[in-house]
Structures are given as structure tokens and as C-alpha cells.
Amino acid sequence: MGYIYLASPYSHASARIRCERYWAALQKAADIMATGQSVFCPIAHSHPISEHVASPLAHSFDFWMRMDLPLLYKAEALWVYQLDGWEESKGVAKEVAEALKHDITTKYLPKQESP
């Protein structure tokens, strides 16, 4: 049984928006897990770790792509959580391009509006 790689936007000049995106990704990953499916959420995994990596590279696009893409290549599917900013996200664009290149099924999950 494989796992879902859950992509979502993260980078932003505002720390508040990065934090909001982190919490939204955590919630979506939890929702998916509640259905019994395995999921890897790079934002949930990497956001807390990035604060403990001493290298300035820990905040670079290339650093995180080197960490995350090997996990995408092993995933059964890529699910893109369409949080605000997903269409402009360099990381999401790279993950989608790599999924297409490696014939990884891609699904788009609309952002859920607050009630």
C-alpha cells in the first residue's frame, strides 16, 4: 500500500501566512489520515524542522526540494491542496511537474471555506 504526497503552498514574506498555511496543511493531512489513507505532508514535516536546521540553506527552495522530491517519487499519488497562493507556489509547481514527469497520479483538493 502506497501513500499520498500532500502538496500545498508554504513560502511567503509574512510569517503569519506561513504559519496559517502550516496549520491548514496539518488539518488536511489529519483529515486524509482519518479516512485510513497514509499521507506524507512535507509542510507538516518540514516547518518545525526548519527552525532547527543550522544552515541558512534550510530556508531555500533547493534544500527542501532535495529533501522532499525523493518522497514524491515513491508516492502513489500527489494531492495538491489548493490553499490561497497554490497557483503561484514555486514548490507546488515543481512537485506537479515532477509528478507528471514520473507518471504519478495527481489530484486537486479545493480549499474548504470556513462556515
Protein backbone atom coordinates (compact mmCIF):
# COMPACT_ATOMS: atom_id res chain seq x y z
CA MET A 1 0.00 0.00 0.00
CA GLY A 2 1.39 3.38 -1.01
CA TYR A 3 0.94 6.84 0.38
CA ILE A 4 -0.34 10.21 -0.76
CA TYR A 5 2.08 13.13 -1.03
CA LEU A 6 0.13 16.22 0.02
CA ALA A 7 1.47 19.38 -1.63
CA SER A 8 0.40 22.86 -0.59
CA PRO A 9 1.87 26.36 -0.73
CA TYR A 10 4.06 27.48 2.13
CA SER A 11 6.59 30.20 1.33
CA HIS A 12 5.50 33.78 1.87
CA ALA A 13 7.09 37.01 3.12
CA SER A 14 4.66 37.00 6.05
CA ALA A 15 5.44 34.65 8.93
CA ARG A 16 1.74 34.77 9.85
CA ILE A 17 0.71 33.46 6.42
CA ARG A 18 3.39 30.73 6.55
CA CYS A 19 2.03 29.67 9.93
CA GLU A 20 -1.58 29.70 8.66
CA ARG A 21 -0.56 27.55 5.70
CA TYR A 22 1.25 25.15 8.03
CA TRP A 23 -1.82 24.70 10.23
CA ALA A 24 -4.11 24.29 7.20
CA ALA A 25 -1.82 21.61 5.76
CA LEU A 26 -1.75 19.82 9.13
CA GLN A 27 -5.53 19.78 9.27
CA LYS A 28 -5.89 18.50 5.70
CA ALA A 29 -3.32 15.75 6.37
CA ALA A 30 -5.23 14.77 9.53
CA ASP A 31 -8.49 14.70 7.56
CA ILE A 32 -6.93 12.38 4.98
CA MET A 33 -5.45 10.14 7.67
CA ALA A 34 -8.87 9.92 9.33
CA THR A 35 -10.12 8.16 6.18
CA GLY A 36 -7.49 5.44 6.71
CA GLN A 37 -5.15 6.63 3.96
CA SER A 38 -1.44 7.13 4.51
CA VAL A 39 -0.16 10.61 3.76
CA PHE A 40 3.16 12.44 3.71
CA CYS A 41 2.75 16.19 4.13
CA PRO A 42 6.07 17.96 3.51
CA ILE A 43 4.86 21.19 5.12
CA ALA A 44 3.80 19.42 8.32
CA HIS A 45 7.11 17.57 8.38
CA SER A 46 9.43 20.39 7.39
CA HIS A 47 8.03 23.54 9.05
CA PRO A 48 9.04 22.51 12.59
CA ILE A 49 12.34 21.00 11.43
CA SER A 50 13.36 24.15 9.54
CA GLU A 51 13.63 26.01 12.83
CA HIS A 52 16.30 23.56 14.00
CA VAL A 53 18.49 23.28 10.90
CA ALA A 54 21.52 25.47 11.50
CA SER A 55 22.37 26.05 7.86
CA PRO A 56 20.95 29.11 6.08
CA LEU A 57 20.15 26.64 3.29
CA ALA A 58 17.34 25.33 5.48
CA HIS A 59 15.17 28.15 4.17
CA SER A 60 15.98 27.67 0.50
CA PHE A 61 13.83 26.16 -2.22
CA ASP A 62 16.64 23.89 -3.45
CA PHE A 63 17.31 22.49 0.03
CA TRP A 64 13.69 21.45 0.57
CA MET A 65 13.27 20.06 -2.94
CA ARG A 66 16.28 17.81 -2.25
CA MET A 67 14.56 16.63 0.93
CA ASP A 68 11.02 16.23 -0.46
CA LEU A 69 11.26 15.04 -4.06
CA PRO A 70 12.65 11.57 -3.22
CA LEU A 71 9.48 11.06 -1.17
CA LEU A 72 7.28 12.30 -4.01
CA TYR A 73 8.90 9.81 -6.40
CA LYS A 74 7.87 6.93 -4.11
CA ALA A 75 4.31 8.19 -3.58
CA GLU A 76 1.26 6.52 -5.04
CA ALA A 77 -0.31 9.91 -5.77
CA LEU A 78 0.22 13.64 -5.47
CA TRP A 79 -2.68 15.58 -4.00
CA VAL A 80 -2.47 19.36 -4.31
CA TYR A 81 -4.29 21.28 -1.58
CA GLN A 82 -5.46 24.47 -3.26
CA LEU A 83 -4.84 26.92 -0.44
CA ASP A 84 -4.59 30.58 -1.40
CA GLY A 85 -1.34 31.01 -3.29
CA TRP A 86 -1.11 27.48 -4.66
CA GLU A 87 -1.08 28.65 -8.28
CA GLU A 88 1.89 30.96 -7.63
CA SER A 89 3.82 28.49 -5.48
CA LYS A 90 7.19 27.57 -6.96
CA GLY A 91 7.27 24.43 -4.80
CA VAL A 92 3.80 23.21 -5.81
CA ALA A 93 4.62 23.88 -9.48
CA LYS A 94 7.81 21.81 -9.18
CA GLU A 95 6.01 18.97 -7.39
CA VAL A 96 3.27 18.87 -10.06
CA ALA A 97 5.83 18.94 -12.88
CA GLU A 98 7.81 16.11 -11.29
CA ALA A 99 4.65 14.06 -10.70
CA LEU A 100 3.68 14.43 -14.35
CA LYS A 101 7.21 13.54 -15.46
CA HIS A 102 7.14 10.38 -13.32
CA ASP A 103 3.54 9.36 -14.14
CA ILE A 104 2.34 9.94 -10.58
CA THR A 105 -1.42 10.41 -10.38
CA THR A 106 -2.29 14.00 -9.45
CA LYS A 107 -5.48 15.17 -7.78
CA TYR A 108 -6.51 18.71 -6.78
CA LEU A 109 -8.27 19.36 -3.48
CA PRO A 110 -10.21 22.65 -3.32
CA LYS A 111 -9.68 24.84 -0.29
CA GLN A 112 -12.55 24.43 2.15
CA GLU A 113 -14.15 27.69 3.07
CA SER A 114 -14.87 28.46 6.71
CA PRO A 115 -18.56 28.10 7.67
